[in-house]
């Protein structure tokens, strides 16, 4: 498919490596910039149907921004386009808001995103889950836990399956989008 024939949407993609719970290890040493660095580093290697979507954001909730409220930090994310599985373009949800609030149309695995669990640090609604976040992304031991999601589920809560020890390694899911000017629309 050419760059111009890819369906419009916000594309979800997975990191290739898995990471321990200390997701704040990159960037300037705090969680939000580190996750942004991970998503930027992984974008060139991700199989995404829309090769032209270059702006990225993590699907991991942080004290600064919950995954269900990404537009509060990334104001240029379009809010009226479907969420799609990166490699296939399969529609996961009708828009960013419904990604966490209604059942997905298909599982993330069915949309080509693999079968490996991923860090979310979020509750069932995509809010930051204070206290179950690998000590705000700074810990990679079994002393703390962080919530992980399952790509095998499609019911609301797919992003909060269980708390895993922070010494375990999981994928990081990100989104790729074409920015809108003025934000959101």
C-alpha atoms as a PDB file:
ATOM      1  CA  UNK A   1       0.000   0.000   0.000  1.00  0.00           C
ATOM      2  CA  UNK A   2       1.214   3.463  -0.696  1.00  0.00           C
ATOM      3  CA  UNK A   3       1.527   6.169   1.894  1.00  0.00           C
ATOM      4  CA  UNK A   4      -1.570   7.850   0.469  1.00  0.00           C
ATOM      5  CA  UNK A   5      -3.837   4.818   0.442  1.00  0.00           C
ATOM      6  CA  UNK A   6      -3.455   3.784   4.096  1.00  0.00           C
ATOM      7  CA  UNK A   7      -6.729   4.228   5.962  1.00  0.00           C
ATOM      8  CA  UNK A   8      -6.912   7.234   8.254  1.00  0.00           C
ATOM      9  CA  UNK A   9      -6.492   6.467  11.896  1.00  0.00           C
ATOM     10  CA  UNK A  10      -4.389   6.317  14.997  1.00  0.00           C
ATOM     11  CA  UNK A  11      -2.157   3.261  14.719  1.00  0.00           C
ATOM     12  CA  UNK A  12      -1.179   1.131  17.715  1.00  0.00           C
ATOM     13  CA  UNK A  13       2.227  -0.540  17.591  1.00  0.00           C
ATOM     14  CA  UNK A  14       4.363  -2.591  19.951  1.00  0.00           C
ATOM     15  CA  UNK A  15       7.957  -2.185  20.990  1.00  0.00           C
ATOM     16  CA  UNK A  16      10.196  -4.912  19.656  1.00  0.00           C
ATOM     17  CA  UNK A  17      12.170  -5.402  22.892  1.00  0.00           C
ATOM     18  CA  UNK A  18      10.540  -6.073  26.220  1.00  0.00           C
ATOM     19  CA  UNK A  19      11.380  -3.822  29.154  1.00  0.00           C
ATOM     20  CA  UNK A  20      11.598  -4.250  32.910  1.00  0.00           C
ATOM     21  CA  UNK A  21       9.422  -2.037  35.075  1.00  0.00           C
ATOM     22  CA  UNK A  22      11.985   0.771  35.222  1.00  0.00           C
ATOM     23  CA  UNK A  23      10.517   2.442  32.136  1.00  0.00           C
ATOM     24  CA  UNK A  24      11.837   5.814  33.327  1.00  0.00           C
ATOM     25  CA  UNK A  25      15.390   4.722  32.488  1.00  0.00           C
ATOM     26  CA  UNK A  26      15.541   6.653  29.188  1.00  0.00           C
ATOM     27  CA  UNK A  27      14.904  10.276  28.314  1.00  0.00           C
ATOM     28  CA  UNK A  28      15.736  12.675  31.118  1.00  0.00           C
ATOM     29  CA  UNK A  29      15.162  10.083  33.814  1.00  0.00           C
ATOM     30  CA  UNK A  30      11.459  10.593  34.381  1.00  0.00           C
ATOM     31  CA  UNK A  31       8.641   8.422  33.124  1.00  0.00           C
ATOM     32  CA  UNK A  32       6.908  10.585  30.482  1.00  0.00           C
ATOM     33  CA  UNK A  33      10.042  11.642  28.541  1.00  0.00           C
ATOM     34  CA  UNK A  34      11.433   8.110  28.799  1.00  0.00           C
ATOM     35  CA  UNK A  35       8.270   6.558  27.338  1.00  0.00           C
ATOM     36  CA  UNK A  36       8.296   9.145  24.575  1.00  0.00           C
ATOM     37  CA  UNK A  37      11.903   8.162  23.809  1.00  0.00           C
ATOM     38  CA  UNK A  38      10.968   4.468  23.718  1.00  0.00           C
ATOM     39  CA  UNK A  39       8.100   5.152  21.286  1.00  0.00           C
ATOM     40  CA  UNK A  40      10.288   7.363  19.065  1.00  0.00           C
ATOM     41  CA  UNK A  41      13.073   4.771  19.004  1.00  0.00           C
ATOM     42  CA  UNK A  42      10.680   1.938  18.192  1.00  0.00           C
ATOM     43  CA  UNK A  43       8.663   3.774  15.509  1.00  0.00           C
ATOM     44  CA  UNK A  44      11.104   3.187  12.594  1.00  0.00           C
ATOM     45  CA  UNK A  45      11.064  -0.564  13.267  1.00  0.00           C
ATOM     46  CA  UNK A  46       7.321  -0.944  13.808  1.00  0.00           C
ATOM     47  CA  UNK A  47       5.172  -2.563  11.165  1.00  0.00           C
ATOM     48  CA  UNK A  48       2.591   0.183  10.601  1.00  0.00           C
ATOM     49  CA  UNK A  49       0.280   0.284   7.618  1.00  0.00           C
ATOM     50  CA  UNK A  50       0.397   4.105   7.515  1.00  0.00           C
ATOM     51  CA  UNK A  51       4.089   4.782   6.952  1.00  0.00           C
ATOM     52  CA  UNK A  52       3.433   8.537   7.129  1.00  0.00           C
ATOM     53  CA  UNK A  53       2.292   8.682  10.738  1.00  0.00           C
ATOM     54  CA  UNK A  54       5.328  10.004  12.557  1.00  0.00           C
ATOM     55  CA  UNK A  55       4.010  11.599  15.760  1.00  0.00           C
ATOM     56  CA  UNK A  56       4.010   9.135  18.641  1.00  0.00           C
ATOM     57  CA  UNK A  57       2.674   8.747  22.177  1.00  0.00           C
ATOM     58  CA  UNK A  58       2.921   5.892  24.696  1.00  0.00           C
ATOM     59  CA  UNK A  59      -0.091   3.845  25.801  1.00  0.00           C
ATOM     60  CA  UNK A  60       1.273   3.677  29.344  1.00  0.00           C
ATOM     61  CA  UNK A  61      -0.398   5.687  32.095  1.00  0.00           C
ATOM     62  CA  UNK A  62       1.852   7.956  34.155  1.00  0.00           C
ATOM     63  CA  UNK A  63       1.410  10.466  36.987  1.00  0.00           C
ATOM     64  CA  UNK A  64       1.602  13.176  34.289  1.00  0.00           C
ATOM     65  CA  UNK A  65      -0.955  11.728  31.860  1.00  0.00           C
ATOM     66  CA  UNK A  66      -3.253   8.729  31.914  1.00  0.00           C
ATOM     67  CA  UNK A  67      -3.466   6.700  28.710  1.00  0.00           C
ATOM     68  CA  UNK A  68      -7.181   7.478  28.481  1.00  0.00           C
ATOM     69  CA  UNK A  69      -6.399  11.207  28.465  1.00  0.00           C
ATOM     70  CA  UNK A  70      -3.420  11.435  26.097  1.00  0.00           C
ATOM     71  CA  UNK A  71      -4.696  14.634  24.482  1.00  0.00           C
ATOM     72  CA  UNK A  72      -3.974  16.502  27.717  1.00  0.00           C
ATOM     73  CA  UNK A  73      -0.242  16.104  26.962  1.00  0.00           C
ATOM     74  CA  UNK A  74      -0.369  15.456  23.204  1.00  0.00           C
ATOM     75  CA  UNK A  75      -2.884  18.076  22.034  1.00  0.00           C
ATOM     76  CA  UNK A  76      -2.293  17.273  18.352  1.00  0.00           C
ATOM     77  CA  UNK A  77      -3.726  13.724  18.509  1.00  0.00           C
ATOM     78  CA  UNK A  78      -6.842  13.509  16.317  1.00  0.00           C
ATOM     79  CA  UNK A  79      -9.844  12.514  18.419  1.00  0.00           C
ATOM     80  CA  UNK A  80     -12.265  11.667  15.623  1.00  0.00           C
ATOM     81  CA  UNK A  81     -10.315   8.898  13.844  1.00  0.00           C
ATOM     82  CA  UNK A  82     -10.465   5.160  14.513  1.00  0.00           C
ATOM     83  CA  UNK A  83      -7.850   3.347  16.539  1.00  0.00           C
ATOM     84  CA  UNK A  84      -6.215   0.743  14.277  1.00  0.00           C
ATOM     85  CA  UNK A  85      -3.841  -2.167  14.675  1.00  0.00           C
ATOM     86  CA  UNK A  86      -0.561  -0.946  13.216  1.00  0.00           C
ATOM     87  CA  UNK A  87       0.413  -3.843  10.983  1.00  0.00           C
ATOM     88  CA  UNK A  88      -3.064  -4.573   9.614  1.00  0.00           C
ATOM     89  CA  UNK A  89      -5.073  -1.364   9.839  1.00  0.00           C
ATOM     90  CA  UNK A  90      -7.867  -3.356  11.505  1.00  0.00           C
ATOM     91  CA  UNK A  91     -10.163  -1.078  13.501  1.00  0.00           C
ATOM     92  CA  UNK A  92      -9.810  -1.662  17.241  1.00  0.00           C
ATOM     93  CA  UNK A  93     -12.097   1.159  18.403  1.00  0.00           C
ATOM     94  CA  UNK A  94     -14.101   3.920  16.729  1.00  0.00           C
ATOM     95  CA  UNK A  95     -11.940   6.660  18.293  1.00  0.00           C
ATOM     96  CA  UNK A  96      -9.452   7.391  21.054  1.00  0.00           C
ATOM     97  CA  UNK A  97     -12.160   7.973  23.689  1.00  0.00           C
ATOM     98  CA  UNK A  98     -13.845   4.607  23.103  1.00  0.00           C
ATOM     99  CA  UNK A  99     -10.523   2.734  23.091  1.00  0.00           C
ATOM    100  CA  UNK A 100     -10.778   2.402  26.885  1.00  0.00           C
ATOM    101  CA  UNK A 101     -14.510   2.814  27.499  1.00  0.00           C
ATOM    102  CA  UNK A 102     -16.146   0.172  25.281  1.00  0.00           C
ATOM    103  CA  UNK A 103     -15.171  -3.333  24.206  1.00  0.00           C
ATOM    104  CA  UNK A 104     -12.646  -3.380  21.375  1.00  0.00           C
ATOM    105  CA  UNK A 105     -13.930  -4.527  17.960  1.00  0.00           C
ATOM    106  CA  UNK A 106     -11.192  -7.217  17.907  1.00  0.00           C
ATOM    107  CA  UNK A 107      -8.343  -8.177  20.199  1.00  0.00           C
ATOM    108  CA  UNK A 108      -4.996  -6.468  19.807  1.00  0.00           C
ATOM    109  CA  UNK A 109      -3.604  -9.860  18.807  1.00  0.00           C
ATOM    110  CA  UNK A 110      -6.196 -10.185  16.005  1.00  0.00           C
ATOM    111  CA  UNK A 111      -5.086  -6.741  14.802  1.00  0.00           C
ATOM    112  CA  UNK A 112      -1.531  -8.017  14.372  1.00  0.00           C
ATOM    113  CA  UNK A 113       0.042  -6.766  17.604  1.00  0.00           C
ATOM    114  CA  UNK A 114       1.257 -10.107  18.906  1.00  0.00           C
ATOM    115  CA  UNK A 115       0.344 -12.150  21.939  1.00  0.00           C
ATOM    116  CA  UNK A 116       2.814 -10.734  24.480  1.00  0.00           C
ATOM    117  CA  UNK A 117       1.526  -8.861  27.543  1.00  0.00           C
ATOM    118  CA  UNK A 118       2.492  -5.192  27.879  1.00  0.00           C
ATOM    119  CA  UNK A 119       2.996  -2.570  30.596  1.00  0.00           C
ATOM    120  CA  UNK A 120       0.053  -0.216  31.140  1.00  0.00           C
ATOM    121  CA  UNK A 121       0.435   1.119  34.706  1.00  0.00           C
ATOM    122  CA  UNK A 122      -3.289   1.781  34.317  1.00  0.00           C
ATOM    123  CA  UNK A 123      -6.577   0.645  35.752  1.00  0.00           C
ATOM    124  CA  UNK A 124      -9.373  -0.961  33.725  1.00  0.00           C
ATOM    125  CA  UNK A 125     -10.427   2.469  32.405  1.00  0.00           C
ATOM    126  CA  UNK A 126      -6.936   3.603  31.379  1.00  0.00           C
ATOM    127  CA  UNK A 127      -6.379   5.860  34.404  1.00  0.00           C
ATOM    128  CA  UNK A 128      -3.000   5.920  36.115  1.00  0.00           C
ATOM    129  CA  UNK A 129      -3.064   3.250  38.851  1.00  0.00           C
ATOM    130  CA  UNK A 130      -1.186   4.951  41.650  1.00  0.00           C
ATOM    131  CA  UNK A 131       0.714   2.494  43.806  1.00  0.00           C
ATOM    132  CA  UNK A 132       0.841  -0.309  41.209  1.00  0.00           C
ATOM    133  CA  UNK A 133       3.253   1.322  38.792  1.00  0.00           C
ATOM    134  CA  UNK A 134       6.745  -0.064  39.455  1.00  0.00           C
ATOM    135  CA  UNK A 135       7.347   2.881  41.767  1.00  0.00           C
ATOM    136  CA  UNK A 136       6.443   5.382  39.034  1.00  0.00           C
ATOM    137  CA  UNK A 137       8.492   3.491  36.460  1.00  0.00           C
ATOM    138  CA  UNK A 138      11.737   3.633  38.418  1.00  0.00           C
ATOM    139  CA  UNK A 139      11.931   0.052  39.699  1.00  0.00           C
ATOM    140  CA  UNK A 140      12.952  -3.192  37.990  1.00  0.00           C
ATOM    141  CA  UNK A 141      12.976  -5.501  41.023  1.00  0.00           C
ATOM    142  CA  UNK A 142      10.334  -7.744  42.536  1.00  0.00           C
ATOM    143  CA  UNK A 143       9.815  -5.249  45.389  1.00  0.00           C
ATOM    144  CA  UNK A 144       7.106  -3.411  43.429  1.00  0.00           C
ATOM    145  CA  UNK A 145       4.456  -4.288  40.870  1.00  0.00           C
ATOM    146  CA  UNK A 146       2.946  -2.640  37.804  1.00  0.00           C
ATOM    147  CA  UNK A 147      -0.209  -3.367  35.861  1.00  0.00           C
ATOM    148  CA  UNK A 148       0.019  -5.170  32.554  1.00  0.00           C
ATOM    149  CA  UNK A 149      -2.523  -5.629  29.774  1.00  0.00           C
ATOM    150  CA  UNK A 150      -3.309  -8.587  27.568  1.00  0.00           C
ATOM    151  CA  UNK A 151      -3.535  -8.417  23.766  1.00  0.00           C
ATOM    152  CA  UNK A 152      -5.720 -11.538  23.909  1.00  0.00           C
ATOM    153  CA  UNK A 153      -8.709  -9.713  25.438  1.00  0.00           C
ATOM    154  CA  UNK A 154     -11.186  -7.294  23.892  1.00  0.00           C
ATOM    155  CA  UNK A 155     -13.560  -6.541  26.797  1.00  0.00           C
ATOM    156  CA  UNK A 156     -13.207  -3.259  28.683  1.00  0.00           C
ATOM    157  CA  UNK A 157     -10.315  -3.761  31.077  1.00  0.00           C
ATOM    158  CA  UNK A 158      -8.014  -5.413  28.516  1.00  0.00           C
ATOM    159  CA  UNK A 159      -5.351  -2.925  29.635  1.00  0.00           C
ATOM    160  CA  UNK A 160      -5.475  -4.016  33.302  1.00  0.00           C
ATOM    161  CA  UNK A 161      -5.176  -7.775  33.557  1.00  0.00           C
ATOM    162  CA  UNK A 162      -2.964  -8.151  36.596  1.00  0.00           C
ATOM    163  CA  UNK A 163      -0.131  -6.674  38.606  1.00  0.00           C
ATOM    164  CA  UNK A 164       3.235  -8.106  37.579  1.00  0.00           C
ATOM    165  CA  UNK A 165       6.538  -7.866  39.409  1.00  0.00           C
ATOM    166  CA  UNK A 166       8.700  -5.078  38.039  1.00  0.00           C
ATOM    167  CA  UNK A 167      11.612  -7.423  37.397  1.00  0.00           C
ATOM    168  CA  UNK A 168       9.563  -9.025  34.608  1.00  0.00           C
ATOM    169  CA  UNK A 169       9.979  -7.786  31.034  1.00  0.00           C
ATOM    170  CA  UNK A 170       6.975  -6.752  28.928  1.00  0.00           C
ATOM    171  CA  UNK A 171       6.355  -4.833  25.717  1.00  0.00           C
ATOM    172  CA  UNK A 172       5.406  -1.153  25.550  1.00  0.00           C
ATOM    173  CA  UNK A 173       2.527  -0.199  23.269  1.00  0.00           C
ATOM    174  CA  UNK A 174       2.559   3.155  21.530  1.00  0.00           C
ATOM    175  CA  UNK A 175       0.413   5.035  19.050  1.00  0.00           C
ATOM    176  CA  UNK A 176       1.448   6.685  15.824  1.00  0.00           C
ATOM    177  CA  UNK A 177      -0.646   9.441  14.282  1.00  0.00           C
ATOM    178  CA  UNK A 178      -0.687  12.299  11.850  1.00  0.00           C
ATOM    179  CA  UNK A 179      -1.015  15.438  13.977  1.00  0.00           C
ATOM    180  CA  UNK A 180      -3.915  17.828  13.651  1.00  0.00           C
ATOM    181  CA  UNK A 181      -3.316  21.540  13.956  1.00  0.00           C
ATOM    182  CA  UNK A 182      -4.994  23.229  16.872  1.00  0.00           C
ATOM    183  CA  UNK A 183      -5.275  19.897  18.690  1.00  0.00           C
ATOM    184  CA  UNK A 184      -7.814  17.164  19.044  1.00  0.00           C
ATOM    185  CA  UNK A 185     -10.151  17.564  16.173  1.00  0.00           C
END
